[in-house]
Amino acid sequence: WPWRCRRLQLNRCVDTGLQENLATDLGAPPQGYNGAVETKTWYGRLQLSLDGLYSLSLCWGAPEGSGSPDAAARGGGRNTSEDTRWQVPDHWCDCENKYLDI
């Protein structure tokens, strides 16, 4: 699934801006997909390794029981000195969908 456009930030788990219903897609489903017809948000984290290569974590849906943060919980957005409006809890990007050395 990494071929679609997504919003990412370096070293932050963020809402990528893409919601998707995987029941209509072909290919290997991501971790957490149980075959149900539902739409969830993709969350992602871009990281840079010491050898200069990027890695990407893409996770479909928030972990069970974690809810969905609103803009205030994400840091407020435009009126802050640092843009954190899309940031979500870091553990939301700890899944098995990792693409290394890209």
PDB file of N, CA and C in Angstrom:
ATOM      1  N   TRP A   1       0.792  -1.210   0.000  1.00  0.00           N
ATOM      2  CA  TRP A   1       0.000   0.000   0.000  1.00  0.00           C
ATOM      3  C   TRP A   1       0.829   1.267   0.000  1.00  0.00           C
ATOM      4  N   PRO A   2       2.098   1.264  -0.138  1.00  0.00           N
ATOM      5  CA  PRO A   2       2.855   2.519  -0.054  1.00  0.00           C
ATOM      6  C   PRO A   2       2.829   3.349  -1.333  1.00  0.00           C
ATOM      7  N   TRP A   3       2.097   2.931  -2.372  1.00  0.00           N
ATOM      8  CA  TRP A   3       2.133   3.667  -3.634  1.00  0.00           C
ATOM      9  C   TRP A   3       1.153   4.833  -3.668  1.00  0.00           C
ATOM     10  N   ARG A   4       0.318   5.021  -2.683  1.00  0.00           N
ATOM     11  CA  ARG A   4      -0.619   6.149  -2.659  1.00  0.00           C
ATOM     12  C   ARG A   4       0.013   7.341  -1.954  1.00  0.00           C
ATOM     13  N   CYS A   5      -0.480   8.528  -2.242  1.00  0.00           N
ATOM     14  CA  CYS A   5       0.030   9.738  -1.592  1.00  0.00           C
ATOM     15  C   CYS A   5      -0.463   9.790  -0.155  1.00  0.00           C
ATOM     16  N   ARG A   6       0.440  10.107   0.740  1.00  0.00           N
ATOM     17  CA  ARG A   6       0.117  10.224   2.154  1.00  0.00           C
ATOM     18  C   ARG A   6       0.869  11.387   2.764  1.00  0.00           C
ATOM     19  N   ARG A   7       0.288  11.933   3.815  1.00  0.00           N
ATOM     20  CA  ARG A   7       0.945  12.991   4.580  1.00  0.00           C
ATOM     21  C   ARG A   7       1.796  12.293   5.646  1.00  0.00           C
ATOM     22  N   LEU A   8       3.078  12.645   5.740  1.00  0.00           N
ATOM     23  CA  LEU A   8       3.976  12.052   6.727  1.00  0.00           C
ATOM     24  C   LEU A   8       4.824  13.140   7.373  1.00  0.00           C
ATOM     25  N   GLN A   9       5.322  12.862   8.551  1.00  0.00           N
ATOM     26  CA  GLN A   9       6.289  13.732   9.218  1.00  0.00           C
ATOM     27  C   GLN A   9       7.411  12.851   9.741  1.00  0.00           C
ATOM     28  N   LEU A  10       8.612  13.387   9.723  1.00  0.00           N
ATOM     29  CA  LEU A  10       9.779  12.652  10.182  1.00  0.00           C
ATOM     30  C   LEU A  10       9.708  12.441  11.690  1.00  0.00           C
ATOM     31  N   ASN A  11       9.873  11.187  12.120  1.00  0.00           N
ATOM     32  CA  ASN A  11       9.923  10.784  13.526  1.00  0.00           C
ATOM     33  C   ASN A  11       8.655  11.062  14.312  1.00  0.00           C
ATOM     34  N   ARG A  12       7.520  11.178  13.633  1.00  0.00           N
ATOM     35  CA  ARG A  12       6.237  11.374  14.307  1.00  0.00           C
ATOM     36  C   ARG A  12       5.205  10.437  13.708  1.00  0.00           C
ATOM     37  N   CYS A  13       4.369   9.886  14.551  1.00  0.00           N
ATOM     38  CA  CYS A  13       3.239   9.105  14.085  1.00  0.00           C
ATOM     39  C   CYS A  13       2.115  10.089  13.789  1.00  0.00           C
ATOM     40  N   VAL A  14       1.631  10.069  12.549  1.00  0.00           N
ATOM     41  CA  VAL A  14       0.616  11.040  12.140  1.00  0.00           C
ATOM     42  C   VAL A  14      -0.524  10.371  11.378  1.00  0.00           C
ATOM     43  N   ASP A  15      -1.652  11.042  11.373  1.00  0.00           N
ATOM     44  CA  ASP A  15      -2.786  10.690  10.521  1.00  0.00           C
ATOM     45  C   ASP A  15      -2.357  11.037   9.100  1.00  0.00           C
ATOM     46  N   THR A  16      -2.311  10.051   8.211  1.00  0.00           N
ATOM     47  CA  THR A  16      -1.799  10.277   6.862  1.00  0.00           C
ATOM     48  C   THR A  16      -2.772  11.021   5.960  1.00  0.00           C
ATOM     49  N   GLY A  17      -4.007  11.182   6.416  1.00  0.00           N
ATOM     50  CA  GLY A  17      -5.009  11.852   5.597  1.00  0.00           C
ATOM     51  C   GLY A  17      -5.743  10.919   4.661  1.00  0.00           C
ATOM     52  N   LEU A  18      -5.465   9.615   4.743  1.00  0.00           N
ATOM     53  CA  LEU A  18      -6.109   8.649   3.862  1.00  0.00           C
ATOM     54  C   LEU A  18      -6.971   7.693   4.677  1.00  0.00           C
ATOM     55  N   GLN A  19      -8.246   7.642   4.340  1.00  0.00           N
ATOM     56  CA  GLN A  19      -9.148   6.655   4.912  1.00  0.00           C
ATOM     57  C   GLN A  19      -9.482   5.669   3.812  1.00  0.00           C
ATOM     58  N   GLU A  20      -9.567   4.392   4.190  1.00  0.00           N
ATOM     59  CA  GLU A  20      -9.725   3.380   3.166  1.00  0.00           C
ATOM     60  C   GLU A  20     -10.535   2.197   3.690  1.00  0.00           C
ATOM     61  N   ASN A  21     -11.332   1.616   2.806  1.00  0.00           N
ATOM     62  CA  ASN A  21     -12.065   0.394   3.094  1.00  0.00           C
ATOM     63  C   ASN A  21     -11.351  -0.725   2.358  1.00  0.00           C
ATOM     64  N   LEU A  22     -10.649  -1.564   3.074  1.00  0.00           N
ATOM     65  CA  LEU A  22      -9.811  -2.584   2.452  1.00  0.00           C
ATOM     66  C   LEU A  22     -10.593  -3.755   1.876  1.00  0.00           C
ATOM     67  N   ALA A  23     -11.870  -3.846   2.187  1.00  0.00           N
ATOM     68  CA  ALA A  23     -12.664  -4.941   1.644  1.00  0.00           C
ATOM     69  C   ALA A  23     -12.798  -4.822   0.127  1.00  0.00           C
ATOM     70  N   THR A  24     -12.564  -3.637  -0.415  1.00  0.00           N
ATOM     71  CA  THR A  24     -12.690  -3.441  -1.859  1.00  0.00           C
ATOM     72  C   THR A  24     -11.350  -3.485  -2.573  1.00  0.00           C
ATOM     73  N   ASP A  25     -10.240  -3.598  -1.829  1.00  0.00           N
ATOM     74  CA  ASP A  25      -8.909  -3.613  -2.431  1.00  0.00           C
ATOM     75  C   ASP A  25      -8.417  -5.035  -2.654  1.00  0.00           C
ATOM     76  N   LEU A  26      -7.488  -5.174  -3.582  1.00  0.00           N
ATOM     77  CA  LEU A  26      -6.867  -6.468  -3.834  1.00  0.00           C
ATOM     78  C   LEU A  26      -5.475  -6.485  -3.235  1.00  0.00           C
ATOM     79  N   GLY A  27      -4.935  -7.663  -3.031  1.00  0.00           N
ATOM     80  CA  GLY A  27      -3.581  -7.788  -2.501  1.00  0.00           C
ATOM     81  C   GLY A  27      -3.600  -8.277  -1.067  1.00  0.00           C
ATOM     82  N   ALA A  28      -2.419  -8.359  -0.492  1.00  0.00           N
ATOM     83  CA  ALA A  28      -2.289  -8.839   0.879  1.00  0.00           C
ATOM     84  C   ALA A  28      -2.762  -7.763   1.852  1.00  0.00           C
ATOM     85  N   PRO A  29      -3.698  -8.068   2.732  1.00  0.00           N
ATOM     86  CA  PRO A  29      -4.194  -7.071   3.671  1.00  0.00           C
ATOM     87  C   PRO A  29      -3.167  -6.771   4.754  1.00  0.00           C
ATOM     88  N   PRO A  30      -3.211  -5.580   5.323  1.00  0.00           N
ATOM     89  CA  PRO A  30      -2.276  -5.213   6.385  1.00  0.00           C
ATOM     90  C   PRO A  30      -2.654  -5.858   7.708  1.00  0.00           C
ATOM     91  N   GLN A  31      -1.733  -5.795   8.658  1.00  0.00           N
ATOM     92  CA  GLN A  31      -1.990  -6.292  10.001  1.00  0.00           C
ATOM     93  C   GLN A  31      -3.223  -5.577  10.549  1.00  0.00           C
ATOM     94  N   GLY A  32      -4.076  -6.292  11.209  1.00  0.00           N
ATOM     95  CA  GLY A  32      -5.250  -5.694  11.814  1.00  0.00           C
ATOM     96  C   GLY A  32      -6.494  -5.813  10.954  1.00  0.00           C
ATOM     97  N   TYR A  33      -6.339  -6.205   9.698  1.00  0.00           N
ATOM     98  CA  TYR A  33      -7.505  -6.335   8.827  1.00  0.00           C
ATOM     99  C   TYR A  33      -8.098  -7.722   8.994  1.00  0.00           C
ATOM    100  N   ASN A  34      -9.372  -7.787   9.381  1.00  0.00           N
ATOM    101  CA  ASN A  34     -10.019  -9.073   9.644  1.00  0.00           C
ATOM    102  C   ASN A  34     -11.040  -9.445   8.581  1.00  0.00           C
ATOM    103  N   GLY A  35     -11.066  -8.753   7.477  1.00  0.00           N
ATOM    104  CA  GLY A  35     -11.992  -9.055   6.400  1.00  0.00           C
ATOM    105  C   GLY A  35     -13.325  -8.350   6.506  1.00  0.00           C
ATOM    106  N   ALA A  36     -13.543  -7.600   7.566  1.00  0.00           N
ATOM    107  CA  ALA A  36     -14.804  -6.887   7.743  1.00  0.00           C
ATOM    108  C   ALA A  36     -14.879  -5.703   6.784  1.00  0.00           C
ATOM    109  N   VAL A  37     -16.092  -5.338   6.422  1.00  0.00           N
ATOM    110  CA  VAL A  37     -16.294  -4.174   5.564  1.00  0.00           C
ATOM    111  C   VAL A  37     -16.338  -2.957   6.466  1.00  0.00           C
ATOM    112  N   GLU A  38     -15.252  -2.233   6.517  1.00  0.00           N
ATOM    113  CA  GLU A  38     -15.164  -1.042   7.353  1.00  0.00           C
ATOM    114  C   GLU A  38     -14.105  -0.101   6.803  1.00  0.00           C
ATOM    115  N   THR A  39     -14.265   1.163   7.110  1.00  0.00           N
ATOM    116  CA  THR A  39     -13.305   2.172   6.689  1.00  0.00           C
ATOM    117  C   THR A  39     -12.507   2.615   7.901  1.00  0.00           C
ATOM    118  N   LYS A  40     -11.198   2.623   7.742  1.00  0.00           N
ATOM    119  CA  LYS A  40     -10.309   3.070   8.815  1.00  0.00           C
ATOM    120  C   LYS A  40      -9.289   4.040   8.238  1.00  0.00           C
ATOM    121  N   THR A  41      -8.640   4.748   9.118  1.00  0.00           N
ATOM    122  CA  THR A  41      -7.610   5.719   8.746  1.00  0.00           C
ATOM    123  C   THR A  41      -6.245   5.054   8.758  1.00  0.00           C
ATOM    124  N   TRP A  42      -5.397   5.456   7.813  1.00  0.00           N
ATOM    125  CA  TRP A  42      -3.998   5.026   7.806  1.00  0.00           C
ATOM    126  C   TRP A  42      -3.193   5.990   8.669  1.00  0.00           C
ATOM    127  N   TYR A  43      -2.299   5.448   9.495  1.00  0.00           N
ATOM    128  CA  TYR A  43      -1.361   6.226  10.306  1.00  0.00           C
ATOM    129  C   TYR A  43       0.043   5.844   9.871  1.00  0.00           C
ATOM    130  N   GLY A  44       0.960   6.810   9.859  1.00  0.00           N
ATOM    131  CA  GLY A  44       2.302   6.517   9.379  1.00  0.00           C
ATOM    132  C   GLY A  44       3.389   7.288  10.096  1.00  0.00           C
ATOM    133  N   ARG A  45       4.587   6.719  10.048  1.00  0.00           N
ATOM    134  CA  ARG A  45       5.776   7.359  10.640  1.00  0.00           C
ATOM    135  C   ARG A  45       6.947   7.137   9.687  1.00  0.00           C
ATOM    136  N   LEU A  46       7.627   8.201   9.342  1.00  0.00           N
ATOM    137  CA  LEU A  46       8.818   8.158   8.503  1.00  0.00           C
ATOM    138  C   LEU A  46      10.027   8.354   9.410  1.00  0.00           C
ATOM    139  N   GLN A  47      11.031   7.492   9.265  1.00  0.00           N
ATOM    140  CA  GLN A  47      12.241   7.609  10.084  1.00  0.00           C
ATOM    141  C   GLN A  47      13.472   7.543   9.191  1.00  0.00           C
ATOM    142  N   LEU A  48      14.539   8.167   9.648  1.00  0.00           N
ATOM    143  CA  LEU A  48      15.816   8.179   8.940  1.00  0.00           C
ATOM    144  C   LEU A  48      16.835   7.436   9.801  1.00  0.00           C
ATOM    145  N   SER A  49      17.470   6.407   9.222  1.00  0.00           N
ATOM    146  CA  SER A  49      18.452   5.628   9.974  1.00  0.00           C
ATOM    147  C   SER A  49      19.818   6.321   9.952  1.00  0.00           C
ATOM    148  N   LEU A  50      20.731   5.815  10.758  1.00  0.00           N
ATOM    149  CA  LEU A  50      22.072   6.398  10.824  1.00  0.00           C
ATOM    150  C   LEU A  50      22.835   6.253   9.513  1.00  0.00           C
ATOM    151  N   ASP A  51      22.466   5.238   8.705  1.00  0.00           N
ATOM    152  CA  ASP A  51      23.151   5.061   7.425  1.00  0.00           C
ATOM    153  C   ASP A  51      22.503   5.853   6.287  1.00  0.00           C
ATOM    154  N   GLY A  52      21.536   6.722   6.646  1.00  0.00           N
ATOM    155  CA  GLY A  52      20.942   7.618   5.653  1.00  0.00           C
ATOM    156  C   GLY A  52      19.786   7.042   4.863  1.00  0.00           C
ATOM    157  N   LEU A  53      19.265   5.899   5.276  1.00  0.00           N
ATOM    158  CA  LEU A  53      18.128   5.292   4.593  1.00  0.00           C
ATOM    159  C   LEU A  53      16.849   5.541   5.385  1.00  0.00           C
ATOM    160  N   TYR A  54      15.757   5.694   4.666  1.00  0.00           N
ATOM    161  CA  TYR A  54      14.465   5.926   5.304  1.00  0.00           C
ATOM    162  C   TYR A  54      13.739   4.609   5.547  1.00  0.00           C
ATOM    163  N   SER A  55      12.907   4.605   6.584  1.00  0.00           N
ATOM    164  CA  SER A  55      11.991   3.498   6.808  1.00  0.00           C
ATOM    165  C   SER A  55      10.611   4.106   7.061  1.00  0.00           C
ATOM    166  N   LEU A  56       9.604   3.324   6.772  1.00  0.00           N
ATOM    167  CA  LEU A  56       8.237   3.815   6.837  1.00  0.00           C
ATOM    168  C   LEU A  56       7.365   2.773   7.530  1.00  0.00           C
ATOM    169  N   SER A  57       6.590   3.201   8.506  1.00  0.00           N
ATOM    170  CA  SER A  57       5.575   2.360   9.134  1.00  0.00           C
ATOM    171  C   SER A  57       4.225   2.879   8.691  1.00  0.00           C
ATOM    172  N   LEU A  58       3.375   1.988   8.173  1.00  0.00           N
ATOM    173  CA  LEU A  58       2.011   2.338   7.767  1.00  0.00           C
ATOM    174  C   LEU A  58       1.048   1.397   8.469  1.00  0.00           C
ATOM    175  N   CYS A  59       0.180   1.962   9.283  1.00  0.00           N
ATOM    176  CA  CYS A  59      -0.737   1.162  10.084  1.00  0.00           C
ATOM    177  C   CYS A  59      -2.170   1.556   9.767  1.00  0.00           C
ATOM    178  N   TRP A  60      -2.991   0.558   9.530  1.00  0.00           N
ATOM    179  CA  TRP A  60      -4.386   0.776   9.161  1.00  0.00           C
ATOM    180  C   TRP A  60      -5.251   0.703  10.392  1.00  0.00           C
ATOM    181  N   GLY A  61      -5.786   1.841  10.805  1.00  0.00           N
ATOM    182  CA  GLY A  61      -6.657   1.905  11.972  1.00  0.00           C
ATOM    183  C   GLY A  61      -5.889   2.069  13.267  1.00  0.00           C
ATOM    184  N   ALA A  62      -6.546   2.717  14.220  1.00  0.00           N
ATOM    185  CA  ALA A  62      -5.962   2.902  15.548  1.00  0.00           C
ATOM    186  C   ALA A  62      -6.059   1.595  16.318  1.00  0.00           C
ATOM    187  N   PRO A  63      -5.169   1.361  17.282  1.00  0.00           N
ATOM    188  CA  PRO A  63      -5.259   0.154  18.099  1.00  0.00           C
ATOM    189  C   PRO A  63      -6.618   0.062  18.805  1.00  0.00           C
ATOM    190  N   GLU A  64      -7.091  -1.137  19.024  1.00  0.00           N
ATOM    191  CA  GLU A  64      -8.378  -1.352  19.691  1.00  0.00           C
ATOM    192  C   GLU A  64      -8.445  -0.598  21.020  1.00  0.00           C
ATOM    193  N   GLY A  65      -9.569   0.075  21.238  1.00  0.00           N
ATOM    194  CA  GLY A  65      -9.797   0.766  22.502  1.00  0.00           C
ATOM    195  C   GLY A  65      -9.091   2.100  22.653  1.00  0.00           C
ATOM    196  N   SER A  66      -8.411   2.564  21.615  1.00  0.00           N
ATOM    197  CA  SER A  66      -7.652   3.812  21.744  1.00  0.00           C
ATOM    198  C   SER A  66      -8.442   5.035  21.337  1.00  0.00           C
ATOM    199  N   GLY A  67      -9.611   4.853  20.724  1.00  0.00           N
ATOM    200  CA  GLY A  67     -10.413   5.993  20.312  1.00  0.00           C
ATOM    201  C   GLY A  67      -9.798   6.716  19.139  1.00  0.00           C
ATOM    202  N   SER A  68     -10.288   7.897  18.873  1.00  0.00           N
ATOM    203  CA  SER A  68      -9.785   8.712  17.767  1.00  0.00           C
ATOM    204  C   SER A  68      -9.581  10.127  18.269  1.00  0.00           C
ATOM    205  N   PRO A  69      -8.370  10.658  18.184  1.00  0.00           N
ATOM    206  CA  PRO A  69      -8.117  11.991  18.739  1.00  0.00           C
ATOM    207  C   PRO A  69      -8.747  13.081  17.887  1.00  0.00           C
ATOM    208  N   ASP A  70      -9.203  14.138  18.545  1.00  0.00           N
ATOM    209  CA  ASP A  70      -9.685  15.283  17.794  1.00  0.00           C
ATOM    210  C   ASP A  70      -8.541  16.276  17.625  1.00  0.00           C
ATOM    211  N   ALA A  71      -8.776  17.392  16.964  1.00  0.00           N
ATOM    212  CA  ALA A  71      -7.707  18.360  16.682  1.00  0.00           C
ATOM    213  C   ALA A  71      -7.065  18.898  17.957  1.00  0.00           C
ATOM    214  N   ALA A  72      -7.858  19.104  19.003  1.00  0.00           N
ATOM    215  CA  ALA A  72      -7.296  19.623  20.254  1.00  0.00           C
ATOM    216  C   ALA A  72      -6.315  18.624  20.867  1.00  0.00           C
ATOM    217  N   ALA A  73      -6.651  17.350  20.801  1.00  0.00           N
ATOM    218  CA  ALA A  73      -5.771  16.323  21.367  1.00  0.00           C
ATOM    219  C   ALA A  73      -4.506  16.166  20.551  1.00  0.00           C
ATOM    220  N   ARG A  74      -4.543  16.564  19.296  1.00  0.00           N
ATOM    221  CA  ARG A  74      -3.383  16.436  18.424  1.00  0.00           C
ATOM    222  C   ARG A  74      -2.425  17.603  18.555  1.00  0.00           C
ATOM    223  N   GLY A  75      -2.768  18.604  19.309  1.00  0.00           N
ATOM    224  CA  GLY A  75      -1.845  19.712  19.495  1.00  0.00           C
ATOM    225  C   GLY A  75      -2.377  21.034  18.999  1.00  0.00           C
ATOM    226  N   GLY A  76      -3.562  21.062  18.446  1.00  0.00           N
ATOM    227  CA  GLY A  76      -4.168  22.332  18.122  1.00  0.00           C
ATOM    228  C   GLY A  76      -3.981  22.838  16.718  1.00  0.00           C
ATOM    229  N   GLY A  77      -2.848  22.591  16.108  1.00  0.00           N
ATOM    230  CA  GLY A  77      -2.706  22.979  14.703  1.00  0.00           C
ATOM    231  C   GLY A  77      -2.068  24.310  14.452  1.00  0.00           C
ATOM    232  N   ARG A  78      -2.669  25.123  13.619  1.00  0.00           N
ATOM    233  CA  ARG A  78      -2.046  26.294  13.009  1.00  0.00           C
ATOM    234  C   ARG A  78      -1.538  27.355  13.977  1.00  0.00           C
ATOM    235  N   ASN A  79      -2.103  27.478  15.142  1.00  0.00           N
ATOM    236  CA  ASN A  79      -1.701  28.539  16.049  1.00  0.00           C
ATOM    237  C   ASN A  79      -0.503  28.182  16.926  1.00  0.00           C
ATOM    238  N   THR A  80       0.068  27.020  16.745  1.00  0.00           N
ATOM    239  CA  THR A  80       1.241  26.636  17.523  1.00  0.00           C
ATOM    240  C   THR A  80       2.508  26.908  16.718  1.00  0.00           C
ATOM    241  N   SER A  81       3.629  26.983  17.396  1.00  0.00           N
ATOM    242  CA  SER A  81       4.884  27.239  16.699  1.00  0.00           C
ATOM    243  C   SER A  81       5.337  26.017  15.904  1.00  0.00           C
ATOM    244  N   GLU A  82       4.836  24.860  16.256  1.00  0.00           N
ATOM    245  CA  GLU A  82       5.180  23.634  15.550  1.00  0.00           C
ATOM    246  C   GLU A  82       3.880  22.954  15.111  1.00  0.00           C
ATOM    247  N   ASP A  83       3.802  22.545  13.862  1.00  0.00           N
ATOM    248  CA  ASP A  83       2.566  21.978  13.338  1.00  0.00           C
ATOM    249  C   ASP A  83       2.391  20.542  13.812  1.00  0.00           C
ATOM    250  N   THR A  84       1.501  20.329  14.758  1.00  0.00           N
ATOM    251  CA  THR A  84       1.247  19.005  15.316  1.00  0.00           C
ATOM    252  C   THR A  84      -0.203  18.575  15.110  1.00  0.00           C
ATOM    253  N   ARG A  85      -0.925  19.258  14.219  1.00  0.00           N
ATOM    254  CA  ARG A  85      -2.361  18.983  14.088  1.00  0.00           C
ATOM    255  C   ARG A  85      -2.672  17.569  13.620  1.00  0.00           C
ATOM    256  N   TRP A  86      -1.730  16.889  12.968  1.00  0.00           N
ATOM    257  CA  TRP A  86      -2.000  15.533  12.474  1.00  0.00           C
ATOM    258  C   TRP A  86      -1.379  14.464  13.358  1.00  0.00           C
ATOM    259  N   GLN A  87      -0.650  14.866  14.388  1.00  0.00           N
ATOM    260  CA  GLN A  87       0.058  13.901  15.229  1.00  0.00           C
ATOM    261  C   GLN A  87      -0.914  13.092  16.083  1.00  0.00           C
ATOM    262  N   VAL A  88      -0.637  11.799  16.201  1.00  0.00           N
ATOM    263  CA  VAL A  88      -1.422  10.887  17.033  1.00  0.00           C
ATOM    264  C   VAL A  88      -0.441  10.173  17.970  1.00  0.00           C
ATOM    265  N   PRO A  89      -0.929   9.429  18.952  1.00  0.00           N
ATOM    266  CA  PRO A  89      -0.010   8.722  19.857  1.00  0.00           C
ATOM    267  C   PRO A  89       0.990   7.851  19.084  1.00  0.00           C
ATOM    268  N   ASP A  90       2.228   7.871  19.515  1.00  0.00           N
ATOM    269  CA  ASP A  90       3.310   7.193  18.796  1.00  0.00           C
ATOM    270  C   ASP A  90       3.063   5.696  18.616  1.00  0.00           C
ATOM    271  N   HIS A  91       2.447   5.058  19.581  1.00  0.00           N
ATOM    272  CA  HIS A  91       2.232   3.601  19.495  1.00  0.00           C
ATOM    273  C   HIS A  91       1.238   3.227  18.395  1.00  0.00           C
ATOM    274  N   TRP A  92       0.505   4.185  17.835  1.00  0.00           N
ATOM    275  CA  TRP A  92      -0.410   3.897  16.736  1.00  0.00           C
ATOM    276  C   TRP A  92       0.354   3.498  15.485  1.00  0.00           C
ATOM    277  N   CYS A  93       1.650   3.799  15.438  1.00  0.00           N
ATOM    278  CA  CYS A  93       2.481   3.435  14.282  1.00  0.00           C
ATOM    279  C   CYS A  93       3.376   2.232  14.568  1.00  0.00           C
ATOM    280  N   ASP A  94       3.133   1.545  15.659  1.00  0.00           N
ATOM    281  CA  ASP A  94       3.883   0.332  15.989  1.00  0.00           C
ATOM    282  C   ASP A  94       3.093  -0.883  15.516  1.00  0.00           C
ATOM    283  N   CYS A  95       3.221  -1.203  14.251  1.00  0.00           N
ATOM    284  CA  CYS A  95       2.530  -2.360  13.681  1.00  0.00           C
ATOM    285  C   CYS A  95       3.526  -3.114  12.810  1.00  0.00           C
ATOM    286  N   GLU A  96       3.079  -4.169  12.191  1.00  0.00           N
ATOM    287  CA  GLU A  96       3.985  -5.001  11.394  1.00  0.00           C
ATOM    288  C   GLU A  96       4.182  -4.524   9.964  1.00  0.00           C
ATOM    289  N   ASN A  97       3.500  -3.471   9.566  1.00  0.00           N
ATOM    290  CA  ASN A  97       3.622  -2.957   8.191  1.00  0.00           C
ATOM    291  C   ASN A  97       4.769  -1.962   8.115  1.00  0.00           C
ATOM    292  N   LYS A  98       5.991  -2.484   8.042  1.00  0.00           N
ATOM    293  CA  LYS A  98       7.188  -1.625   8.010  1.00  0.00           C
ATOM    294  C   LYS A  98       7.926  -1.840   6.691  1.00  0.00           C
ATOM    295  N   TYR A  99       8.320  -0.756   6.113  1.00  0.00           N
ATOM    296  CA  TYR A  99       9.085  -0.785   4.857  1.00  0.00           C
ATOM    297  C   TYR A  99      10.441  -0.186   5.174  1.00  0.00           C
ATOM    298  N   LEU A 100      11.481  -1.004   5.090  1.00  0.00           N
ATOM    299  CA  LEU A 100      12.825  -0.598   5.501  1.00  0.00           C
ATOM    300  C   LEU A 100      13.675  -0.209   4.301  1.00  0.00           C
ATOM    301  N   ASP A 101      14.641   0.644   4.547  1.00  0.00           N
ATOM    302  CA  ASP A 101      15.655   1.021   3.564  1.00  0.00           C
ATOM    303  C   ASP A 101      15.052   1.497   2.238  1.00  0.00           C
ATOM    304  N   ILE A 102      14.169   2.475   2.341  1.00  0.00           N
ATOM    305  CA  ILE A 102      13.562   3.022   1.126  1.00  0.00           C
ATOM    306  C   ILE A 102      14.223   4.331   0.743  1.00  0.00           C
TER     307      ILE A 102
END
